[in-house]
Amino acid sequence: MKTALLLAISVASAGVAIPVAANDYVKGSYIHQALVQVCSKTADDDRLGLHSTLKAYRISKQAAVEKVVCNGQHLTDFARANQAVKVTAMLQPYEDRIKGRVTIQDVAAAAAN
């Protein structure tokens, strides 16, 4: 009987506490700030600013290319849509890794020249 009462009280209190915590989390969270800065640096075509922002938040370029979404687009697509040429050039090798592109170079022919 006591466990049922404690369970009912904990469920009722959790229902009240969770929406407040979730609302505070969305407004000023660390992750939200990081994403806003990454997306704004990308839209501004600020290659060095993006590099320092990723470094400050300890986000690898590979992880940014794979997981960051700005306005519903992946980071490289967002950069292309905003005509951020410098940022696109910086992130292109990391996007190529995802696609599985392989370049084959003839070592013997390069050595003969």
Protein backbone atom coordinates (compact mmCIF):
# COMPACT_ATOMS: atom_id res chain seq x y z
CA MET A 1 0.00 0.00 0.00
CA LYS A 2 2.80 2.40 0.88
CA THR A 3 4.67 1.65 -2.35
CA ALA A 4 1.56 2.33 -4.41
CA LEU A 5 1.06 5.65 -2.64
CA LEU A 6 4.72 6.63 -3.11
CA LEU A 7 4.55 5.66 -6.77
CA ALA A 8 1.42 7.78 -7.29
CA ILE A 9 3.03 10.78 -5.59
CA SER A 10 6.26 10.47 -7.55
CA VAL A 11 4.41 10.17 -10.88
CA ALA A 12 2.27 13.22 -10.06
CA SER A 13 5.28 15.30 -9.04
CA ALA A 14 7.27 14.22 -12.09
CA GLY A 15 4.42 15.33 -14.36
CA VAL A 16 4.66 18.83 -12.90
CA ALA A 17 8.46 19.09 -12.85
CA ILE A 18 9.30 17.82 -16.33
CA PRO A 19 7.58 20.50 -18.47
CA VAL A 20 9.31 23.30 -16.60
CA ALA A 21 12.71 21.65 -16.95
CA ALA A 22 12.15 20.93 -20.65
CA ASN A 23 11.09 24.51 -21.33
CA ASP A 24 14.19 25.93 -19.60
CA TYR A 25 16.38 23.47 -21.47
CA VAL A 26 15.17 24.60 -24.89
CA LYS A 27 15.57 28.32 -24.23
CA GLY A 28 19.18 28.57 -23.16
CA SER A 29 20.82 25.21 -23.31
CA TYR A 30 24.48 24.70 -24.04
CA ILE A 31 23.68 22.54 -27.07
CA HIS A 32 21.23 25.09 -28.44
CA GLN A 33 23.81 27.88 -28.15
CA ALA A 34 26.42 25.73 -29.88
CA LEU A 35 24.09 24.93 -32.77
CA VAL A 36 23.05 28.56 -33.20
CA GLN A 37 26.68 29.66 -33.35
CA VAL A 38 27.66 26.90 -35.77
CA CYS A 39 24.74 27.70 -38.08
CA SER A 40 25.32 31.46 -37.96
CA LYS A 41 29.05 31.11 -38.69
CA THR A 42 28.18 28.81 -41.59
CA ALA A 43 25.62 31.23 -43.01
CA ASP A 44 28.12 34.09 -42.73
CA ASP A 45 30.73 32.05 -44.64
CA ASP A 46 33.13 32.57 -41.73
CA ARG A 47 35.47 29.59 -42.10
CA LEU A 48 37.81 30.58 -39.28
CA GLY A 49 34.91 31.49 -36.99
CA LEU A 50 33.28 28.14 -37.65
CA HIS A 51 36.54 26.34 -36.98
CA SER A 52 37.01 28.14 -33.64
CA THR A 53 33.37 27.59 -32.66
CA LEU A 54 33.61 23.87 -33.37
CA LYS A 55 36.85 23.73 -31.41
CA ALA A 56 35.36 25.69 -28.48
CA TYR A 57 32.40 23.33 -28.22
CA ARG A 58 34.60 20.28 -28.89
CA ILE A 59 32.70 19.23 -31.98
CA SER A 60 34.73 17.51 -34.67
CA LYS A 61 34.21 18.59 -38.25
CA GLN A 62 33.18 15.05 -39.14
CA ALA A 63 30.52 15.04 -36.40
CA ALA A 64 29.31 18.47 -37.49
CA VAL A 65 28.92 17.34 -41.09
CA GLU A 66 27.15 14.14 -40.06
CA LYS A 67 24.88 15.41 -37.29
CA VAL A 68 24.35 19.19 -37.31
CA VAL A 69 21.13 20.34 -38.95
CA CYS A 70 20.42 24.01 -39.70
CA ASN A 71 16.94 25.00 -40.89
CA GLY A 72 16.17 21.37 -41.69
CA GLN A 73 19.28 20.90 -43.84
CA HIS A 74 22.53 19.13 -43.11
CA LEU A 75 25.40 21.53 -42.46
CA THR A 76 27.03 21.22 -45.90
CA ASP A 77 23.69 21.58 -47.68
CA PHE A 78 22.94 24.62 -45.52
CA ALA A 79 26.32 26.12 -46.46
CA ARG A 80 25.63 25.57 -50.16
CA ALA A 81 22.15 27.08 -49.86
CA ASN A 82 23.65 30.20 -48.26
CA GLN A 83 26.42 30.31 -50.87
CA ALA A 84 29.10 29.90 -48.21
CA VAL A 85 31.91 28.92 -50.56
CA LYS A 86 34.74 28.92 -48.01
CA VAL A 87 32.82 26.84 -45.47
CA THR A 88 31.67 24.41 -48.16
CA ALA A 89 35.26 23.92 -49.31
CA MET A 90 36.36 23.30 -45.72
CA LEU A 91 33.63 20.74 -45.03
CA GLN A 92 33.70 18.98 -48.42
CA PRO A 93 36.37 16.36 -47.50
CA TYR A 94 34.33 15.34 -44.46
CA GLU A 95 31.19 15.00 -46.55
CA ASP A 96 33.10 12.90 -49.08
CA ARG A 97 34.00 10.44 -46.31
CA ILE A 98 30.31 9.89 -45.64
CA LYS A 99 29.52 9.27 -49.29
CA GLY A 100 32.29 6.72 -49.52
CA ARG A 101 34.08 8.36 -52.41
CA VAL A 102 37.35 6.76 -53.27
CA THR A 103 39.99 8.34 -55.45
CA ILE A 104 42.46 6.06 -57.14
CA GLN A 105 45.86 7.42 -57.98
CA ASP A 106 48.36 5.61 -60.13
CA VAL A 107 51.49 5.68 -58.01
CA ALA A 108 53.71 4.20 -60.70
CA ALA A 109 52.70 6.82 -63.26
CA ALA A 110 53.22 9.63 -60.76
CA ALA A 111 56.68 8.32 -59.87
CA ALA A 112 57.70 8.04 -63.55
CA ASN A 113 57.03 11.74 -64.22
